[in-house]
C-alpha atoms as a PDB file:
ATOM      1  CA  UNK A   1     -35.378  63.297 -21.771  1.00  0.00           C
ATOM      2  CA  UNK A   2     -33.096  62.224 -24.594  1.00  0.00           C
ATOM      3  CA  UNK A   3     -34.415  59.964 -27.278  1.00  0.00           C
ATOM      4  CA  UNK A   4     -32.598  56.550 -27.162  1.00  0.00           C
ATOM      5  CA  UNK A   5     -33.839  55.517 -30.555  1.00  0.00           C
ATOM      6  CA  UNK A   6     -31.436  55.411 -33.488  1.00  0.00           C
ATOM      7  CA  UNK A   7     -32.117  54.734 -37.084  1.00  0.00           C
ATOM      8  CA  UNK A   8     -31.482  51.375 -38.650  1.00  0.00           C
ATOM      9  CA  UNK A   9     -28.851  52.831 -40.969  1.00  0.00           C
ATOM     10  CA  UNK A  10     -27.007  54.369 -38.026  1.00  0.00           C
ATOM     11  CA  UNK A  11     -27.053  51.016 -36.227  1.00  0.00           C
ATOM     12  CA  UNK A  12     -25.682  49.172 -39.231  1.00  0.00           C
ATOM     13  CA  UNK A  13     -22.835  51.647 -39.553  1.00  0.00           C
ATOM     14  CA  UNK A  14     -21.975  51.471 -35.852  1.00  0.00           C
ATOM     15  CA  UNK A  15     -19.465  49.071 -34.314  1.00  0.00           C
ATOM     16  CA  UNK A  16     -22.284  47.147 -32.651  1.00  0.00           C
ATOM     17  CA  UNK A  17     -23.243  45.530 -35.866  1.00  0.00           C
ATOM     18  CA  UNK A  18     -20.570  43.097 -37.069  1.00  0.00           C
ATOM     19  CA  UNK A  19     -21.210  40.929 -40.113  1.00  0.00           C
ATOM     20  CA  UNK A  20     -21.126  37.141 -39.636  1.00  0.00           C
ATOM     21  CA  UNK A  21     -18.007  36.808 -41.750  1.00  0.00           C
ATOM     22  CA  UNK A  22     -16.049  38.940 -39.259  1.00  0.00           C
ATOM     23  CA  UNK A  23     -17.084  36.939 -36.183  1.00  0.00           C
ATOM     24  CA  UNK A  24     -14.927  34.044 -35.035  1.00  0.00           C
ATOM     25  CA  UNK A  25     -16.495  30.723 -35.897  1.00  0.00           C
ATOM     26  CA  UNK A  26     -17.694  28.892 -32.838  1.00  0.00           C
ATOM     27  CA  UNK A  27     -17.836  25.130 -32.911  1.00  0.00           C
ATOM     28  CA  UNK A  28     -21.069  23.770 -31.640  1.00  0.00           C
ATOM     29  CA  UNK A  29     -19.708  20.220 -31.491  1.00  0.00           C
ATOM     30  CA  UNK A  30     -16.224  18.973 -30.741  1.00  0.00           C
ATOM     31  CA  UNK A  31     -14.415  17.254 -33.551  1.00  0.00           C
ATOM     32  CA  UNK A  32     -13.788  13.511 -33.361  1.00  0.00           C
ATOM     33  CA  UNK A  33     -10.119  13.965 -32.403  1.00  0.00           C
ATOM     34  CA  UNK A  34     -11.077  16.050 -29.344  1.00  0.00           C
ATOM     35  CA  UNK A  35     -13.786  13.542 -28.326  1.00  0.00           C
ATOM     36  CA  UNK A  36     -11.243  10.725 -28.605  1.00  0.00           C
ATOM     37  CA  UNK A  37      -8.794  12.632 -26.393  1.00  0.00           C
ATOM     38  CA  UNK A  38     -11.506  13.326 -23.797  1.00  0.00           C
ATOM     39  CA  UNK A  39     -12.518   9.655 -23.732  1.00  0.00           C
ATOM     40  CA  UNK A  40      -8.884   8.510 -23.363  1.00  0.00           C
ATOM     41  CA  UNK A  41      -8.356  10.966 -20.532  1.00  0.00           C
ATOM     42  CA  UNK A  42     -11.497   9.668 -18.800  1.00  0.00           C
ATOM     43  CA  UNK A  43     -10.351   6.048 -19.120  1.00  0.00           C
ATOM     44  CA  UNK A  44      -6.897   6.894 -17.714  1.00  0.00           C
ATOM     45  CA  UNK A  45      -8.462   8.751 -14.796  1.00  0.00           C
ATOM     46  CA  UNK A  46     -10.698   5.775 -13.961  1.00  0.00           C
ATOM     47  CA  UNK A  47      -7.734   3.374 -14.139  1.00  0.00           C
ATOM     48  CA  UNK A  48      -5.685   5.629 -11.846  1.00  0.00           C
ATOM     49  CA  UNK A  49      -8.467   5.833  -9.266  1.00  0.00           C
ATOM     50  CA  UNK A  50      -8.993   2.066  -9.313  1.00  0.00           C
ATOM     51  CA  UNK A  51      -5.254   1.439  -8.962  1.00  0.00           C
ATOM     52  CA  UNK A  52      -5.008   3.725  -5.957  1.00  0.00           C
ATOM     53  CA  UNK A  53      -8.046   2.074  -4.366  1.00  0.00           C
ATOM     54  CA  UNK A  54      -6.533  -1.388  -4.915  1.00  0.00           C
ATOM     55  CA  UNK A  55      -3.237  -0.310  -3.311  1.00  0.00           C
ATOM     56  CA  UNK A  56      -5.026   1.135  -0.289  1.00  0.00           C
ATOM     57  CA  UNK A  57      -7.049  -2.047   0.211  1.00  0.00           C
ATOM     58  CA  UNK A  58      -3.973  -4.253  -0.192  1.00  0.00           C
ATOM     59  CA  UNK A  59      -1.915  -2.324   2.350  1.00  0.00           C
ATOM     60  CA  UNK A  60      -4.776  -2.184   4.831  1.00  0.00           C
ATOM     61  CA  UNK A  61      -4.804  -5.980   4.860  1.00  0.00           C
ATOM     62  CA  UNK A  62      -1.016  -6.352   4.690  1.00  0.00           C
ATOM     63  CA  UNK A  63      -0.293  -3.999   7.587  1.00  0.00           C
ATOM     64  CA  UNK A  64      -2.470  -5.716  10.191  1.00  0.00           C
ATOM     65  CA  UNK A  65      -0.448  -6.027  13.419  1.00  0.00           C
ATOM     66  CA  UNK A  66       0.357  -9.518  14.632  1.00  0.00           C
ATOM     67  CA  UNK A  67      -1.127 -10.505  17.971  1.00  0.00           C
ATOM     68  CA  UNK A  68       1.441 -12.387  20.072  1.00  0.00           C
ATOM     69  CA  UNK A  69      -0.693 -12.649  23.182  1.00  0.00           C
ATOM     70  CA  UNK A  70      -1.790 -16.236  22.614  1.00  0.00           C
ATOM     71  CA  UNK A  71      -0.371 -19.455  23.983  1.00  0.00           C
ATOM     72  CA  UNK A  72      -0.058 -22.770  22.218  1.00  0.00           C
ATOM     73  CA  UNK A  73      -0.680 -26.179  23.683  1.00  0.00           C
ATOM     74  CA  UNK A  74      -0.254 -29.658  22.246  1.00  0.00           C
ATOM     75  CA  UNK A  75      -4.032 -30.103  22.225  1.00  0.00           C
ATOM     76  CA  UNK A  76      -4.737 -27.620  19.438  1.00  0.00           C
ATOM     77  CA  UNK A  77      -1.745 -27.928  17.073  1.00  0.00           C
ATOM     78  CA  UNK A  78      -0.101 -30.652  15.039  1.00  0.00           C
ATOM     79  CA  UNK A  79       2.923 -32.530  16.369  1.00  0.00           C
ATOM     80  CA  UNK A  80       5.302 -30.757  13.970  1.00  0.00           C
ATOM     81  CA  UNK A  81       4.098 -27.381  15.229  1.00  0.00           C
ATOM     82  CA  UNK A  82       4.526 -28.381  18.883  1.00  0.00           C
ATOM     83  CA  UNK A  83       8.302 -28.505  18.495  1.00  0.00           C
ATOM     84  CA  UNK A  84       8.212 -24.894  17.286  1.00  0.00           C
ATOM     85  CA  UNK A  85       6.809 -23.736  20.644  1.00  0.00           C
ATOM     86  CA  UNK A  86       7.839 -24.347  24.232  1.00  0.00           C
ATOM     87  CA  UNK A  87       5.741 -23.068  27.133  1.00  0.00           C
ATOM     88  CA  UNK A  88       3.868 -20.790  24.722  1.00  0.00           C
ATOM     89  CA  UNK A  89       7.080 -19.241  23.375  1.00  0.00           C
ATOM     90  CA  UNK A  90       8.553 -19.591  19.880  1.00  0.00           C
ATOM     91  CA  UNK A  91      11.484 -22.005  19.812  1.00  0.00           C
ATOM     92  CA  UNK A  92      14.001 -20.190  17.610  1.00  0.00           C
ATOM     93  CA  UNK A  93      15.888 -23.455  16.969  1.00  0.00           C
ATOM     94  CA  UNK A  94      12.927 -25.281  15.405  1.00  0.00           C
ATOM     95  CA  UNK A  95      10.492 -22.602  14.227  1.00  0.00           C
ATOM     96  CA  UNK A  96       9.749 -22.269  10.542  1.00  0.00           C
ATOM     97  CA  UNK A  97       9.427 -18.954   8.724  1.00  0.00           C
ATOM     98  CA  UNK A  98       5.664 -18.640   9.338  1.00  0.00           C
ATOM     99  CA  UNK A  99       6.076 -19.209  13.068  1.00  0.00           C
ATOM    100  CA  UNK A 100       8.969 -16.766  13.327  1.00  0.00           C
ATOM    101  CA  UNK A 101       6.880 -14.156  11.502  1.00  0.00           C
ATOM    102  CA  UNK A 102       4.248 -14.366  14.253  1.00  0.00           C
ATOM    103  CA  UNK A 103       6.735 -12.602  16.520  1.00  0.00           C
ATOM    104  CA  UNK A 104       6.257  -8.863  16.720  1.00  0.00           C
ATOM    105  CA  UNK A 105       9.153  -6.970  15.044  1.00  0.00           C
ATOM    106  CA  UNK A 106      10.179 -10.072  13.054  1.00  0.00           C
ATOM    107  CA  UNK A 107       9.209  -9.940   9.408  1.00  0.00           C
ATOM    108  CA  UNK A 108       9.909 -12.313   6.581  1.00  0.00           C
ATOM    109  CA  UNK A 109      13.438 -11.061   5.910  1.00  0.00           C
ATOM    110  CA  UNK A 110      14.518 -11.312   9.560  1.00  0.00           C
ATOM    111  CA  UNK A 111      12.888 -14.751   9.851  1.00  0.00           C
ATOM    112  CA  UNK A 112      14.913 -15.902   6.836  1.00  0.00           C
ATOM    113  CA  UNK A 113      18.067 -14.477   8.429  1.00  0.00           C
ATOM    114  CA  UNK A 114      17.332 -16.430  11.648  1.00  0.00           C
ATOM    115  CA  UNK A 115      16.892 -19.672   9.700  1.00  0.00           C
ATOM    116  CA  UNK A 116      20.016 -19.021   7.599  1.00  0.00           C
ATOM    117  CA  UNK A 117      22.039 -18.291  10.761  1.00  0.00           C
ATOM    118  CA  UNK A 118      20.703 -21.496  12.341  1.00  0.00           C
ATOM    119  CA  UNK A 119      21.684 -23.556   9.277  1.00  0.00           C
ATOM    120  CA  UNK A 120      25.125 -21.957   8.982  1.00  0.00           C
ATOM    121  CA  UNK A 121      26.109 -21.847  12.668  1.00  0.00           C
ATOM    122  CA  UNK A 122      24.005 -24.565  14.268  1.00  0.00           C
ATOM    123  CA  UNK A 123      21.334 -24.212  16.916  1.00  0.00           C
ATOM    124  CA  UNK A 124      21.214 -21.285  19.295  1.00  0.00           C
ATOM    125  CA  UNK A 125      22.438 -22.214  22.773  1.00  0.00           C
ATOM    126  CA  UNK A 126      20.904 -19.141  24.422  1.00  0.00           C
ATOM    127  CA  UNK A 127      18.226 -16.713  23.274  1.00  0.00           C
ATOM    128  CA  UNK A 128      20.691 -13.820  23.462  1.00  0.00           C
ATOM    129  CA  UNK A 129      22.630 -15.380  20.548  1.00  0.00           C
ATOM    130  CA  UNK A 130      19.820 -14.192  18.272  1.00  0.00           C
ATOM    131  CA  UNK A 131      21.525 -10.782  18.402  1.00  0.00           C
ATOM    132  CA  UNK A 132      24.219 -12.317  16.146  1.00  0.00           C
ATOM    133  CA  UNK A 133      21.622 -12.516  13.361  1.00  0.00           C
ATOM    134  CA  UNK A 134      21.821  -9.738  10.784  1.00  0.00           C
ATOM    135  CA  UNK A 135      19.106  -7.158  11.465  1.00  0.00           C
ATOM    136  CA  UNK A 136      18.475  -8.082  15.090  1.00  0.00           C
ATOM    137  CA  UNK A 137      20.160  -5.835  17.596  1.00  0.00           C
ATOM    138  CA  UNK A 138      19.763  -5.088  21.282  1.00  0.00           C
ATOM    139  CA  UNK A 139      16.537  -3.093  20.796  1.00  0.00           C
ATOM    140  CA  UNK A 140      14.762  -5.851  18.859  1.00  0.00           C
ATOM    141  CA  UNK A 141      16.057  -8.499  21.250  1.00  0.00           C
ATOM    142  CA  UNK A 142      14.647  -6.602  24.238  1.00  0.00           C
ATOM    143  CA  UNK A 143      11.244  -6.462  22.535  1.00  0.00           C
ATOM    144  CA  UNK A 144      11.068 -10.184  21.635  1.00  0.00           C
ATOM    145  CA  UNK A 145      12.989 -11.913  24.424  1.00  0.00           C
ATOM    146  CA  UNK A 146       9.817 -12.638  26.390  1.00  0.00           C
ATOM    147  CA  UNK A 147       8.343 -14.503  23.425  1.00  0.00           C
ATOM    148  CA  UNK A 148      11.265 -16.715  22.346  1.00  0.00           C
ATOM    149  CA  UNK A 149      13.090 -19.725  23.759  1.00  0.00           C
ATOM    150  CA  UNK A 150      15.665 -22.367  22.768  1.00  0.00           C
END
């Protein structure tokens, strides 16, 4: 068997022994500039996560579908609201923006268009005239005609 022992002088002269001055200096601690950068990055990451969470929560509440399956009677609403409904349907000649927005497929912008059309051209004589309102075509009319009246 071969002897694996070498002399100390041989070891020092070999490439396995490198003096400290030739080794790259390793930092045991990060400098203050690097720590500041790491902290800033952490703060930005936390803000981004919180912003995304806030947006998700907001849109979960904002995108709740409207239930139009209820009926309204004079017993449970104020007298001003009664004129906005007729036989449980939304009266498009008297309904305000909030009432119009209860209709499925009618959002705030279309409700404003209905009211603007009503102010400009007078009351609707037939529910089919709602198709003259910007943004309401045959498809939307077919979906809401069972829920509106004049």
